[in-house]
Amino acid sequence: MTDRERERARRLAEDLERDAEKYPEERAEILIEAATQWSRAGDPDRALRIYDGVVASAEEEDAQFAAAERISLLADLGRTEEADAEIIRLGKAKLRPGPAQLIAEFLEERGRLEEALTWFNIACRDLMSDDGELAETSLFARPELRGRRRVRRSLGLPPDALDLHGEDEPAELAELLDRAAARPQPNVGSFFVRPDVARAFAEGLVHGTAPTDAASYFREVERGWRASSDEAGASKLRILPTRVDDILKYASDRGRDPKDQQTRADHLLDRVREGAVTLDWPPERNAPCWCDSGRKYKKCCGSPTGR
């Protein structure tokens, strides 16, 4: 990382720690993100102290997420024995699917596929009923299921019931998207690009009650898209990066109020129909995050702590 990037991460980490005090109901997940930024800023010891604090004081699931992120940092620092000891400790607990998925992906990235499969199995255990049958749930959007199938293939294992269900994923997803495309409102969303976020707030173009900093803005946008995709029954959206000047010009050309939510919605649909470049949401977990933070999606807006 460059000095400029490290300084940017440091400022963001400080902002997040202040946010954690202002929003106690989200304190744990905000602190986990702050720890990630301190690590990027070149202060891993501070990051570890934050993770330790969350592990000691947060509710069970948040504590497990913090422990999973701590494992990754310890490994990056070359402290593999400590990381492995933490994995063993968590393996004795009743781990939630989200933290188990993070550990599985950590092990997969390091080529420890047999161990990764064990953790993906933990992450997927709620997908099977007590009698071994598939649970009544929509499986195709579950990243832990895709990870489990991916590792089993790498190990050369024959497909089992969960794998075979997952083979139907593309057809099921295509059917849902086709149905969604026939609706009056397509599965699309928009967001202000990172350099324009502050100006978008200043111009009154962002609606809602979220704090006016970029980190909070992107968290709220991500949550909104997740809620929209759940309601629509589809796991993919097309998202349009938007500039403030484009919204203002669009409204001016049509005699519309740029602060009106309908103006923003009409702008989005018109741009999509015109063929404007859109992004797929959500990205692959190891792909760069849509918010242009420079981090992987799974470590940024796609982190389970942001749900």
C-alpha atoms as a PDB file:
ATOM      1  CA  MET A   1       0.000   0.000   0.000  1.00  0.00           C
ATOM      2  CA  THR A   2       1.093   3.565  -0.606  1.00  0.00           C
ATOM      3  CA  ASP A   3       1.527   6.115   2.185  1.00  0.00           C
ATOM      4  CA  ARG A   4      -1.589   7.882   0.914  1.00  0.00           C
ATOM      5  CA  GLU A   5      -3.645   4.694   1.090  1.00  0.00           C
ATOM      6  CA  ARG A   6      -2.404   3.962   4.600  1.00  0.00           C
ATOM      7  CA  GLU A   7      -3.296   7.483   5.727  1.00  0.00           C
ATOM      8  CA  ARG A   8      -6.737   7.132   4.183  1.00  0.00           C
ATOM      9  CA  ALA A   9      -7.231   3.846   6.052  1.00  0.00           C
ATOM     10  CA  ARG A  10      -6.093   5.461   9.312  1.00  0.00           C
ATOM     11  CA  ARG A  11      -8.603   8.296   8.973  1.00  0.00           C
ATOM     12  CA  LEU A  12     -11.371   5.846   8.152  1.00  0.00           C
ATOM     13  CA  ALA A  13     -10.465   3.696  11.163  1.00  0.00           C
ATOM     14  CA  GLU A  14     -10.656   6.731  13.441  1.00  0.00           C
ATOM     15  CA  ASP A  15     -14.022   7.700  11.964  1.00  0.00           C
ATOM     16  CA  LEU A  16     -15.331   4.186  12.488  1.00  0.00           C
ATOM     17  CA  GLU A  17     -14.260   4.126  16.119  1.00  0.00           C
ATOM     18  CA  ARG A  18     -16.171   7.369  16.666  1.00  0.00           C
ATOM     19  CA  ASP A  19     -19.173   5.865  14.870  1.00  0.00           C
ATOM     20  CA  ALA A  20     -19.013   2.856  17.182  1.00  0.00           C
ATOM     21  CA  GLU A  21     -19.564   5.146  20.141  1.00  0.00           C
ATOM     22  CA  LYS A  22     -22.427   6.994  18.439  1.00  0.00           C
ATOM     23  CA  TYR A  23     -24.256   3.849  17.318  1.00  0.00           C
ATOM     24  CA  PRO A  24     -24.025   1.334  20.178  1.00  0.00           C
ATOM     25  CA  GLU A  25     -26.509  -1.054  18.548  1.00  0.00           C
ATOM     26  CA  GLU A  26     -23.992  -1.558  15.711  1.00  0.00           C
ATOM     27  CA  ARG A  27     -20.879  -1.144  17.821  1.00  0.00           C
ATOM     28  CA  ALA A  28     -19.409  -4.601  17.308  1.00  0.00           C
ATOM     29  CA  GLU A  29     -19.679  -4.713  13.526  1.00  0.00           C
ATOM     30  CA  ILE A  30     -18.376  -1.135  13.209  1.00  0.00           C
ATOM     31  CA  LEU A  31     -15.384  -1.975  15.399  1.00  0.00           C
ATOM     32  CA  ILE A  32     -14.637  -5.068  13.316  1.00  0.00           C
ATOM     33  CA  GLU A  33     -14.474  -2.824  10.239  1.00  0.00           C
ATOM     34  CA  ALA A  34     -12.316  -0.325  12.174  1.00  0.00           C
ATOM     35  CA  ALA A  35      -9.875  -3.117  13.030  1.00  0.00           C
ATOM     36  CA  THR A  36      -9.635  -4.046   9.354  1.00  0.00           C
ATOM     37  CA  GLN A  37      -8.772  -0.448   8.509  1.00  0.00           C
ATOM     38  CA  TRP A  38      -6.146  -0.219  11.264  1.00  0.00           C
ATOM     39  CA  SER A  39      -4.496  -3.284   9.777  1.00  0.00           C
ATOM     40  CA  ARG A  40      -4.495  -1.617   6.352  1.00  0.00           C
ATOM     41  CA  ALA A  41      -3.067   1.522   7.954  1.00  0.00           C
ATOM     42  CA  GLY A  42      -0.066  -0.457   9.199  1.00  0.00           C
ATOM     43  CA  ASP A  43      -1.124  -0.812  12.846  1.00  0.00           C
ATOM     44  CA  PRO A  44      -1.970  -4.513  13.252  1.00  0.00           C
ATOM     45  CA  ASP A  45      -1.462  -4.404  17.026  1.00  0.00           C
ATOM     46  CA  ARG A  46      -4.295  -1.918  17.378  1.00  0.00           C
ATOM     47  CA  ALA A  47      -6.423  -4.080  15.103  1.00  0.00           C
ATOM     48  CA  LEU A  48      -5.764  -7.133  17.269  1.00  0.00           C
ATOM     49  CA  ARG A  49      -6.670  -5.211  20.432  1.00  0.00           C
ATOM     50  CA  ILE A  50      -9.987  -4.228  18.869  1.00  0.00           C
ATOM     51  CA  TYR A  51     -10.725  -7.792  17.780  1.00  0.00           C
ATOM     52  CA  ASP A  52      -9.879  -9.021  21.284  1.00  0.00           C
ATOM     53  CA  GLY A  53     -12.236  -6.448  22.792  1.00  0.00           C
ATOM     54  CA  VAL A  54     -15.105  -7.505  20.533  1.00  0.00           C
ATOM     55  CA  VAL A  55     -14.454 -11.193  21.237  1.00  0.00           C
ATOM     56  CA  ALA A  56     -14.570 -10.497  24.980  1.00  0.00           C
ATOM     57  CA  SER A  57     -17.602  -8.207  25.096  1.00  0.00           C
ATOM     58  CA  ALA A  58     -19.872  -8.685  22.076  1.00  0.00           C
ATOM     59  CA  GLU A  59     -22.786 -11.027  21.576  1.00  0.00           C
ATOM     60  CA  GLU A  60     -21.909 -14.533  20.424  1.00  0.00           C
ATOM     61  CA  GLU A  61     -22.207 -14.100  16.642  1.00  0.00           C
ATOM     62  CA  ASP A  62     -20.338 -10.780  16.530  1.00  0.00           C
ATOM     63  CA  ALA A  63     -17.642 -12.229  18.791  1.00  0.00           C
ATOM     64  CA  GLN A  64     -17.257 -15.150  16.391  1.00  0.00           C
ATOM     65  CA  PHE A  65     -16.963 -12.822  13.402  1.00  0.00           C
ATOM     66  CA  ALA A  66     -14.244 -10.867  15.222  1.00  0.00           C
ATOM     67  CA  ALA A  67     -12.406 -14.098  16.049  1.00  0.00           C
ATOM     68  CA  ALA A  68     -12.565 -15.203  12.406  1.00  0.00           C
ATOM     69  CA  GLU A  69     -11.140 -11.890  11.194  1.00  0.00           C
ATOM     70  CA  ARG A  70      -8.469 -12.082  13.887  1.00  0.00           C
ATOM     71  CA  ILE A  71      -7.369 -15.478  12.563  1.00  0.00           C
ATOM     72  CA  SER A  72      -6.796 -14.025   9.100  1.00  0.00           C
ATOM     73  CA  LEU A  73      -4.751 -11.136  10.492  1.00  0.00           C
ATOM     74  CA  LEU A  74      -2.609 -13.412  12.654  1.00  0.00           C
ATOM     75  CA  ALA A  75      -1.837 -15.542   9.603  1.00  0.00           C
ATOM     76  CA  ASP A  76      -0.940 -12.449   7.559  1.00  0.00           C
ATOM     77  CA  LEU A  77       1.487 -11.483  10.340  1.00  0.00           C
ATOM     78  CA  GLY A  78       3.142 -14.902  10.170  1.00  0.00           C
ATOM     79  CA  ARG A  79       1.704 -15.936  13.555  1.00  0.00           C
ATOM     80  CA  THR A  80       0.335 -19.167  12.178  1.00  0.00           C
ATOM     81  CA  GLU A  81       0.514 -21.145  15.422  1.00  0.00           C
ATOM     82  CA  GLU A  82      -1.690 -18.598  17.151  1.00  0.00           C
ATOM     83  CA  ALA A  83      -4.085 -18.595  14.197  1.00  0.00           C
ATOM     84  CA  ASP A  84      -4.305 -22.396  14.232  1.00  0.00           C
ATOM     85  CA  ALA A  85      -4.866 -22.426  18.000  1.00  0.00           C
ATOM     86  CA  GLU A  86      -7.774 -20.017  17.534  1.00  0.00           C
ATOM     87  CA  ILE A  87      -9.255 -22.234  14.818  1.00  0.00           C
ATOM     88  CA  ILE A  88      -9.093 -25.189  17.186  1.00  0.00           C
ATOM     89  CA  ARG A  89     -10.772 -23.134  19.925  1.00  0.00           C
ATOM     90  CA  LEU A  90     -13.610 -22.083  17.654  1.00  0.00           C
ATOM     91  CA  GLY A  91     -13.982 -25.638  16.407  1.00  0.00           C
ATOM     92  CA  LYS A  92     -15.072 -26.633  19.924  1.00  0.00           C
ATOM     93  CA  ALA A  93     -17.820 -24.006  19.972  1.00  0.00           C
ATOM     94  CA  LYS A  94     -21.195 -24.036  18.244  1.00  0.00           C
ATOM     95  CA  LEU A  95     -20.181 -21.696  15.446  1.00  0.00           C
ATOM     96  CA  ARG A  96     -22.703 -19.697  13.444  1.00  0.00           C
ATOM     97  CA  PRO A  97     -22.754 -20.151   9.628  1.00  0.00           C
ATOM     98  CA  GLY A  98     -21.303 -16.716   8.803  1.00  0.00           C
ATOM     99  CA  PRO A  99     -18.126 -16.977  10.913  1.00  0.00           C
ATOM    100  CA  ALA A 100     -17.706 -20.614   9.872  1.00  0.00           C
ATOM    101  CA  GLN A 101     -17.829 -19.537   6.225  1.00  0.00           C
ATOM    102  CA  LEU A 102     -15.079 -16.946   6.796  1.00  0.00           C
ATOM    103  CA  ILE A 103     -12.804 -19.560   8.348  1.00  0.00           C
ATOM    104  CA  ALA A 104     -13.579 -22.005   5.535  1.00  0.00           C
ATOM    105  CA  GLU A 105     -12.627 -19.410   2.919  1.00  0.00           C
ATOM    106  CA  PHE A 106      -9.458 -18.558   4.860  1.00  0.00           C
ATOM    107  CA  LEU A 107      -8.413 -22.224   4.811  1.00  0.00           C
ATOM    108  CA  GLU A 108      -9.386 -22.651   1.155  1.00  0.00           C
ATOM    109  CA  GLU A 109      -7.254 -19.685   0.104  1.00  0.00           C
ATOM    110  CA  ARG A 110      -4.271 -21.321   1.808  1.00  0.00           C
ATOM    111  CA  GLY A 111      -4.821 -24.663   0.083  1.00  0.00           C
ATOM    112  CA  ARG A 112      -5.940 -26.456   3.256  1.00  0.00           C
ATOM    113  CA  LEU A 113      -8.861 -28.003   1.434  1.00  0.00           C
ATOM    114  CA  GLU A 114      -9.741 -30.881   3.767  1.00  0.00           C
ATOM    115  CA  GLU A 115      -9.959 -28.474   6.693  1.00  0.00           C
ATOM    116  CA  ALA A 116     -11.854 -25.968   4.563  1.00  0.00           C
ATOM    117  CA  LEU A 117     -14.456 -28.614   3.731  1.00  0.00           C
ATOM    118  CA  THR A 118     -14.993 -29.311   7.438  1.00  0.00           C
ATOM    119  CA  TRP A 119     -15.734 -25.635   8.037  1.00  0.00           C
ATOM    120  CA  PHE A 120     -17.944 -25.300   4.967  1.00  0.00           C
ATOM    121  CA  ASN A 121     -19.904 -28.275   6.307  1.00  0.00           C
ATOM    122  CA  ILE A 122     -20.357 -26.384   9.571  1.00  0.00           C
ATOM    123  CA  ALA A 123     -21.503 -23.320   7.655  1.00  0.00           C
ATOM    124  CA  CYS A 124     -24.018 -25.409   5.704  1.00  0.00           C
ATOM    125  CA  ARG A 125     -25.364 -27.529   8.540  1.00  0.00           C
ATOM    126  CA  ASP A 126     -28.641 -25.578   8.755  1.00  0.00           C
ATOM    127  CA  LEU A 127     -29.350 -26.510   5.119  1.00  0.00           C
ATOM    128  CA  MET A 128     -29.956 -30.126   6.078  1.00  0.00           C
ATOM    129  CA  SER A 129     -32.780 -31.353   8.290  1.00  0.00           C
ATOM    130  CA  ASP A 130     -32.242 -33.862  11.094  1.00  0.00           C
ATOM    131  CA  ASP A 131     -33.159 -36.762   8.785  1.00  0.00           C
ATOM    132  CA  GLY A 132     -30.544 -35.730   6.222  1.00  0.00           C
ATOM    133  CA  GLU A 133     -32.982 -34.207   3.754  1.00  0.00           C
ATOM    134  CA  LEU A 134     -32.605 -30.738   2.250  1.00  0.00           C
ATOM    135  CA  ALA A 135     -34.162 -28.095   4.459  1.00  0.00           C
ATOM    136  CA  GLU A 136     -37.041 -26.044   3.115  1.00  0.00           C
ATOM    137  CA  THR A 137     -35.060 -22.980   2.159  1.00  0.00           C
ATOM    138  CA  SER A 138     -33.811 -21.191  -0.919  1.00  0.00           C
ATOM    139  CA  LEU A 139     -30.299 -22.536  -1.372  1.00  0.00           C
ATOM    140  CA  PHE A 140     -29.071 -21.048  -4.608  1.00  0.00           C
ATOM    141  CA  ALA A 141     -28.060 -17.700  -3.100  1.00  0.00           C
ATOM    142  CA  ARG A 142     -25.992 -19.222  -0.292  1.00  0.00           C
ATOM    143  CA  PRO A 143     -22.276 -18.485  -0.767  1.00  0.00           C
ATOM    144  CA  GLU A 144     -21.307 -21.113   1.799  1.00  0.00           C
ATOM    145  CA  LEU A 145     -23.020 -23.723  -0.373  1.00  0.00           C
ATOM    146  CA  ARG A 146     -21.058 -22.603  -3.433  1.00  0.00           C
ATOM    147  CA  GLY A 147     -17.837 -22.693  -1.430  1.00  0.00           C
ATOM    148  CA  ARG A 148     -18.559 -26.192  -0.174  1.00  0.00           C
ATOM    149  CA  ARG A 149     -19.260 -27.424  -3.702  1.00  0.00           C
ATOM    150  CA  ARG A 150     -16.110 -25.720  -5.007  1.00  0.00           C
ATOM    151  CA  VAL A 151     -13.871 -27.387  -2.409  1.00  0.00           C
ATOM    152  CA  ARG A 152     -15.457 -30.807  -2.879  1.00  0.00           C
ATOM    153  CA  ARG A 153     -14.759 -30.569  -6.604  1.00  0.00           C
ATOM    154  CA  SER A 154     -11.148 -29.591  -5.934  1.00  0.00           C
ATOM    155  CA  LEU A 155     -10.800 -32.637  -3.689  1.00  0.00           C
ATOM    156  CA  GLY A 156     -12.248 -34.877  -6.393  1.00  0.00           C
ATOM    157  CA  LEU A 157     -15.221 -35.937  -4.276  1.00  0.00           C
ATOM    158  CA  PRO A 158     -18.407 -37.174  -5.961  1.00  0.00           C
ATOM    159  CA  PRO A 159     -21.398 -34.807  -5.723  1.00  0.00           C
ATOM    160  CA  ASP A 160     -23.761 -35.292  -2.805  1.00  0.00           C
ATOM    161  CA  ALA A 161     -27.311 -34.017  -2.259  1.00  0.00           C
ATOM    162  CA  LEU A 162     -26.256 -30.424  -1.638  1.00  0.00           C
ATOM    163  CA  ASP A 163     -23.921 -30.442  -4.637  1.00  0.00           C
ATOM    164  CA  LEU A 164     -26.619 -31.827  -6.919  1.00  0.00           C
ATOM    165  CA  HIS A 165     -29.058 -29.193  -5.770  1.00  0.00           C
ATOM    166  CA  GLY A 166     -26.452 -26.545  -6.490  1.00  0.00           C
ATOM    167  CA  GLU A 167     -26.079 -27.768 -10.074  1.00  0.00           C
ATOM    168  CA  ASP A 168     -29.552 -26.366 -10.709  1.00  0.00           C
ATOM    169  CA  GLU A 169     -28.453 -22.924  -9.499  1.00  0.00           C
ATOM    170  CA  PRO A 170     -27.872 -21.244 -12.907  1.00  0.00           C
ATOM    171  CA  ALA A 171     -31.248 -22.340 -14.280  1.00  0.00           C
ATOM    172  CA  GLU A 172     -33.069 -21.339 -11.095  1.00  0.00           C
ATOM    173  CA  LEU A 173     -31.338 -17.962 -11.033  1.00  0.00           C
ATOM    174  CA  ALA A 174     -32.034 -17.342 -14.715  1.00  0.00           C
ATOM    175  CA  GLU A 175     -35.713 -18.125 -14.201  1.00  0.00           C
ATOM    176  CA  LEU A 176     -35.931 -15.675 -11.308  1.00  0.00           C
ATOM    177  CA  LEU A 177     -34.158 -12.954 -13.237  1.00  0.00           C
ATOM    178  CA  ASP A 178     -36.386 -13.507 -16.277  1.00  0.00           C
ATOM    179  CA  ARG A 179     -39.441 -13.098 -14.092  1.00  0.00           C
ATOM    180  CA  ALA A 180     -37.943 -10.010 -12.506  1.00  0.00           C
ATOM    181  CA  ALA A 181     -37.141  -8.500 -15.907  1.00  0.00           C
ATOM    182  CA  ALA A 182     -40.814  -8.740 -16.847  1.00  0.00           C
ATOM    183  CA  ARG A 183     -41.836  -6.600 -13.886  1.00  0.00           C
ATOM    184  CA  PRO A 184     -42.381  -2.851 -14.247  1.00  0.00           C
ATOM    185  CA  GLN A 185     -39.407  -2.201 -11.956  1.00  0.00           C
ATOM    186  CA  PRO A 186     -36.293  -4.187 -12.976  1.00  0.00           C
ATOM    187  CA  ASN A 187     -33.756  -5.386 -10.417  1.00  0.00           C
ATOM    188  CA  VAL A 188     -31.472  -2.413 -10.672  1.00  0.00           C
ATOM    189  CA  GLY A 189     -29.979  -0.012  -8.182  1.00  0.00           C
ATOM    190  CA  SER A 190     -27.697   2.993  -8.194  1.00  0.00           C
ATOM    191  CA  PHE A 191     -25.116   4.541  -5.931  1.00  0.00           C
ATOM    192  CA  PHE A 192     -22.998   7.662  -5.857  1.00  0.00           C
ATOM    193  CA  VAL A 193     -19.355   7.028  -6.682  1.00  0.00           C
ATOM    194  CA  ARG A 194     -17.000   7.457  -3.750  1.00  0.00           C
ATOM    195  CA  PRO A 195     -15.569  10.875  -4.754  1.00  0.00           C
ATOM    196  CA  ASP A 196     -19.122  12.273  -5.013  1.00  0.00           C
ATOM    197  CA  VAL A 197     -20.615  10.986  -1.769  1.00  0.00           C
ATOM    198  CA  ALA A 198     -19.922  14.101   0.305  1.00  0.00           C
ATOM    199  CA  ARG A 199     -21.297  16.344  -2.436  1.00  0.00           C
ATOM    200  CA  ALA A 200     -24.379  14.137  -2.830  1.00  0.00           C
ATOM    201  CA  PHE A 201     -25.200  14.685   0.841  1.00  0.00           C
ATOM    202  CA  ALA A 202     -24.508  18.412   0.547  1.00  0.00           C
ATOM    203  CA  GLU A 203     -26.868  18.673  -2.451  1.00  0.00           C
ATOM    204  CA  GLY A 204     -29.620  16.823  -0.602  1.00  0.00           C
ATOM    205  CA  LEU A 205     -29.589  13.924  -3.058  1.00  0.00           C
ATOM    206  CA  VAL A 206     -29.280  11.180  -0.436  1.00  0.00           C
ATOM    207  CA  HIS A 207     -32.446  10.231   1.371  1.00  0.00           C
ATOM    208  CA  GLY A 208     -32.717   8.464   4.711  1.00  0.00           C
ATOM    209  CA  THR A 209     -31.233   8.879   8.158  1.00  0.00           C
ATOM    210  CA  ALA A 210     -27.767   7.393   7.703  1.00  0.00           C
ATOM    211  CA  PRO A 211     -24.732   9.419   8.833  1.00  0.00           C
ATOM    212  CA  THR A 212     -23.215  11.496   6.072  1.00  0.00           C
ATOM    213  CA  ASP A 213     -19.804   9.779   5.949  1.00  0.00           C
ATOM    214  CA  ALA A 214     -18.933   7.543   3.034  1.00  0.00           C
ATOM    215  CA  ALA A 215     -18.428   4.387   5.131  1.00  0.00           C
ATOM    216  CA  SER A 216     -21.939   4.602   6.583  1.00  0.00           C
ATOM    217  CA  TYR A 217     -23.390   5.515   3.193  1.00  0.00           C
ATOM    218  CA  PHE A 218     -22.020   2.398   1.501  1.00  0.00           C
ATOM    219  CA  ARG A 219     -23.094   0.179   4.408  1.00  0.00           C
ATOM    220  CA  GLU A 220     -26.655   1.480   4.124  1.00  0.00           C
ATOM    221  CA  VAL A 221     -26.704   1.080   0.332  1.00  0.00           C
ATOM    222  CA  GLU A 222     -25.513  -2.529   0.663  1.00  0.00           C
ATOM    223  CA  ARG A 223     -28.198  -3.275   3.247  1.00  0.00           C
ATOM    224  CA  GLY A 224     -30.850  -1.753   1.041  1.00  0.00           C
ATOM    225  CA  TRP A 225     -29.812  -3.886  -1.922  1.00  0.00           C
ATOM    226  CA  ARG A 226     -29.838  -7.029   0.190  1.00  0.00           C
ATOM    227  CA  ALA A 227     -33.338  -6.244   1.391  1.00  0.00           C
ATOM    228  CA  SER A 228     -34.483  -5.502  -2.175  1.00  0.00           C
ATOM    229  CA  SER A 229     -33.018  -8.705  -3.581  1.00  0.00           C
ATOM    230  CA  ASP A 230     -34.604 -10.757  -0.799  1.00  0.00           C
ATOM    231  CA  GLU A 231     -37.987  -9.176  -1.439  1.00  0.00           C
ATOM    232  CA  ALA A 232     -37.703  -9.687  -5.204  1.00  0.00           C
ATOM    233  CA  GLY A 233     -36.606 -13.295  -4.810  1.00  0.00           C
ATOM    234  CA  ALA A 234     -33.445 -12.829  -6.898  1.00  0.00           C
ATOM    235  CA  SER A 235     -29.840 -12.794  -5.795  1.00  0.00           C
ATOM    236  CA  LYS A 236     -28.472 -10.459  -8.478  1.00  0.00           C
ATOM    237  CA  LEU A 237     -28.937  -6.768  -9.174  1.00  0.00           C
ATOM    238  CA  ARG A 238     -27.518  -4.469 -11.823  1.00  0.00           C
ATOM    239  CA  ILE A 239     -26.084  -1.360 -10.175  1.00  0.00           C
ATOM    240  CA  LEU A 240     -25.290   1.962 -11.798  1.00  0.00           C
ATOM    241  CA  PRO A 241     -22.359   4.090 -10.577  1.00  0.00           C
ATOM    242  CA  THR A 242     -23.748   7.643 -10.533  1.00  0.00           C
ATOM    243  CA  ARG A 243     -22.180  11.108 -10.546  1.00  0.00           C
ATOM    244  CA  VAL A 244     -23.817  14.104  -8.930  1.00  0.00           C
ATOM    245  CA  ASP A 245     -23.356  16.198 -12.079  1.00  0.00           C
ATOM    246  CA  ASP A 246     -25.240  13.595 -14.111  1.00  0.00           C
ATOM    247  CA  ILE A 247     -28.241  13.695 -11.755  1.00  0.00           C
ATOM    248  CA  LEU A 248     -28.262  17.490 -11.725  1.00  0.00           C
ATOM    249  CA  LYS A 249     -28.078  17.724 -15.519  1.00  0.00           C
ATOM    250  CA  TYR A 250     -30.778  15.086 -15.958  1.00  0.00           C
ATOM    251  CA  ALA A 251     -33.111  16.994 -13.655  1.00  0.00           C
ATOM    252  CA  SER A 252     -32.315  20.372 -15.221  1.00  0.00           C
ATOM    253  CA  ASP A 253     -32.913  19.121 -18.773  1.00  0.00           C
ATOM    254  CA  ARG A 254     -36.355  17.865 -17.775  1.00  0.00           C
ATOM    255  CA  GLY A 255     -37.390  20.599 -15.393  1.00  0.00           C
ATOM    256  CA  ARG A 256     -37.363  18.131 -12.483  1.00  0.00           C
ATOM    257  CA  ASP A 257     -36.329  18.461  -8.849  1.00  0.00           C
ATOM    258  CA  PRO A 258     -33.014  16.564  -8.411  1.00  0.00           C
ATOM    259  CA  LYS A 259     -33.862  15.970  -4.730  1.00  0.00           C
ATOM    260  CA  ASP A 260     -37.070  14.130  -5.621  1.00  0.00           C
ATOM    261  CA  GLN A 261     -36.706  10.371  -5.187  1.00  0.00           C
ATOM    262  CA  GLN A 262     -38.759   9.754  -8.312  1.00  0.00           C
ATOM    263  CA  THR A 263     -36.305  11.844 -10.327  1.00  0.00           C
ATOM    264  CA  ARG A 264     -33.491   9.605  -9.117  1.00  0.00           C
ATOM    265  CA  ALA A 265     -35.508   6.479  -9.945  1.00  0.00           C
ATOM    266  CA  ASP A 266     -36.388   7.723 -13.430  1.00  0.00           C
ATOM    267  CA  HIS A 267     -32.766   8.689 -14.059  1.00  0.00           C
ATOM    268  CA  LEU A 268     -31.646   5.183 -13.134  1.00  0.00           C
ATOM    269  CA  LEU A 269     -34.153   3.448 -15.423  1.00  0.00           C
ATOM    270  CA  ASP A 270     -33.474   5.799 -18.332  1.00  0.00           C
ATOM    271  CA  ARG A 271     -29.716   5.300 -18.068  1.00  0.00           C
ATOM    272  CA  VAL A 272     -30.081   1.519 -17.957  1.00  0.00           C
ATOM    273  CA  ARG A 273     -32.367   1.544 -20.993  1.00  0.00           C
ATOM    274  CA  GLU A 274     -29.812   3.709 -22.816  1.00  0.00           C
ATOM    275  CA  GLY A 275     -27.167   1.036 -22.218  1.00  0.00           C
ATOM    276  CA  ALA A 276     -25.126   2.753 -19.516  1.00  0.00           C
ATOM    277  CA  VAL A 277     -22.402   0.581 -18.034  1.00  0.00           C
ATOM    278  CA  THR A 278     -23.643  -1.203 -14.927  1.00  0.00           C
ATOM    279  CA  LEU A 279     -22.009  -3.564 -12.454  1.00  0.00           C
ATOM    280  CA  ASP A 280     -23.214  -6.921 -11.204  1.00  0.00           C
ATOM    281  CA  TRP A 281     -24.140  -7.026  -7.535  1.00  0.00           C
ATOM    282  CA  PRO A 282     -23.052  -8.781  -5.500  1.00  0.00           C
ATOM    283  CA  PRO A 283     -19.537  -9.251  -6.865  1.00  0.00           C
ATOM    284  CA  GLU A 284     -17.666 -12.493  -6.348  1.00  0.00           C
ATOM    285  CA  ARG A 285     -16.357 -12.517  -2.797  1.00  0.00           C
ATOM    286  CA  ASN A 286     -12.716 -12.242  -3.882  1.00  0.00           C
ATOM    287  CA  ALA A 287     -13.447  -9.552  -6.481  1.00  0.00           C
ATOM    288  CA  PRO A 288     -12.891  -5.841  -5.767  1.00  0.00           C
ATOM    289  CA  CYS A 289     -15.770  -4.316  -3.827  1.00  0.00           C
ATOM    290  CA  TRP A 290     -18.337  -2.329  -5.803  1.00  0.00           C
ATOM    291  CA  CYS A 291     -17.820   0.704  -3.527  1.00  0.00           C
ATOM    292  CA  ASP A 292     -14.263   1.261  -4.855  1.00  0.00           C
ATOM    293  CA  SER A 293     -12.624   0.914  -1.454  1.00  0.00           C
ATOM    294  CA  GLY A 294      -9.793  -1.099  -3.001  1.00  0.00           C
ATOM    295  CA  ARG A 295     -10.603  -4.090  -0.797  1.00  0.00           C
ATOM    296  CA  LYS A 296     -12.071  -7.481  -1.649  1.00  0.00           C
ATOM    297  CA  TYR A 297     -15.860  -7.577  -1.477  1.00  0.00           C
ATOM    298  CA  LYS A 298     -15.835 -10.232   1.251  1.00  0.00           C
ATOM    299  CA  LYS A 299     -13.646  -7.967   3.394  1.00  0.00           C
ATOM    300  CA  CYS A 300     -15.694  -4.853   2.677  1.00  0.00           C
ATOM    301  CA  CYS A 301     -19.400  -4.423   1.913  1.00  0.00           C
ATOM    302  CA  GLY A 302     -19.788  -8.183   1.479  1.00  0.00           C
ATOM    303  CA  SER A 303     -18.530  -9.007   4.947  1.00  0.00           C
ATOM    304  CA  PRO A 304     -21.203 -10.894   6.885  1.00  0.00           C
ATOM    305  CA  THR A 305     -20.766  -8.325   9.676  1.00  0.00           C
ATOM    306  CA  GLY A 306     -22.406  -5.803   7.385  1.00  0.00           C
ATOM    307  CA  ARG A 307     -25.635  -7.729   7.110  1.00  0.00           C
END
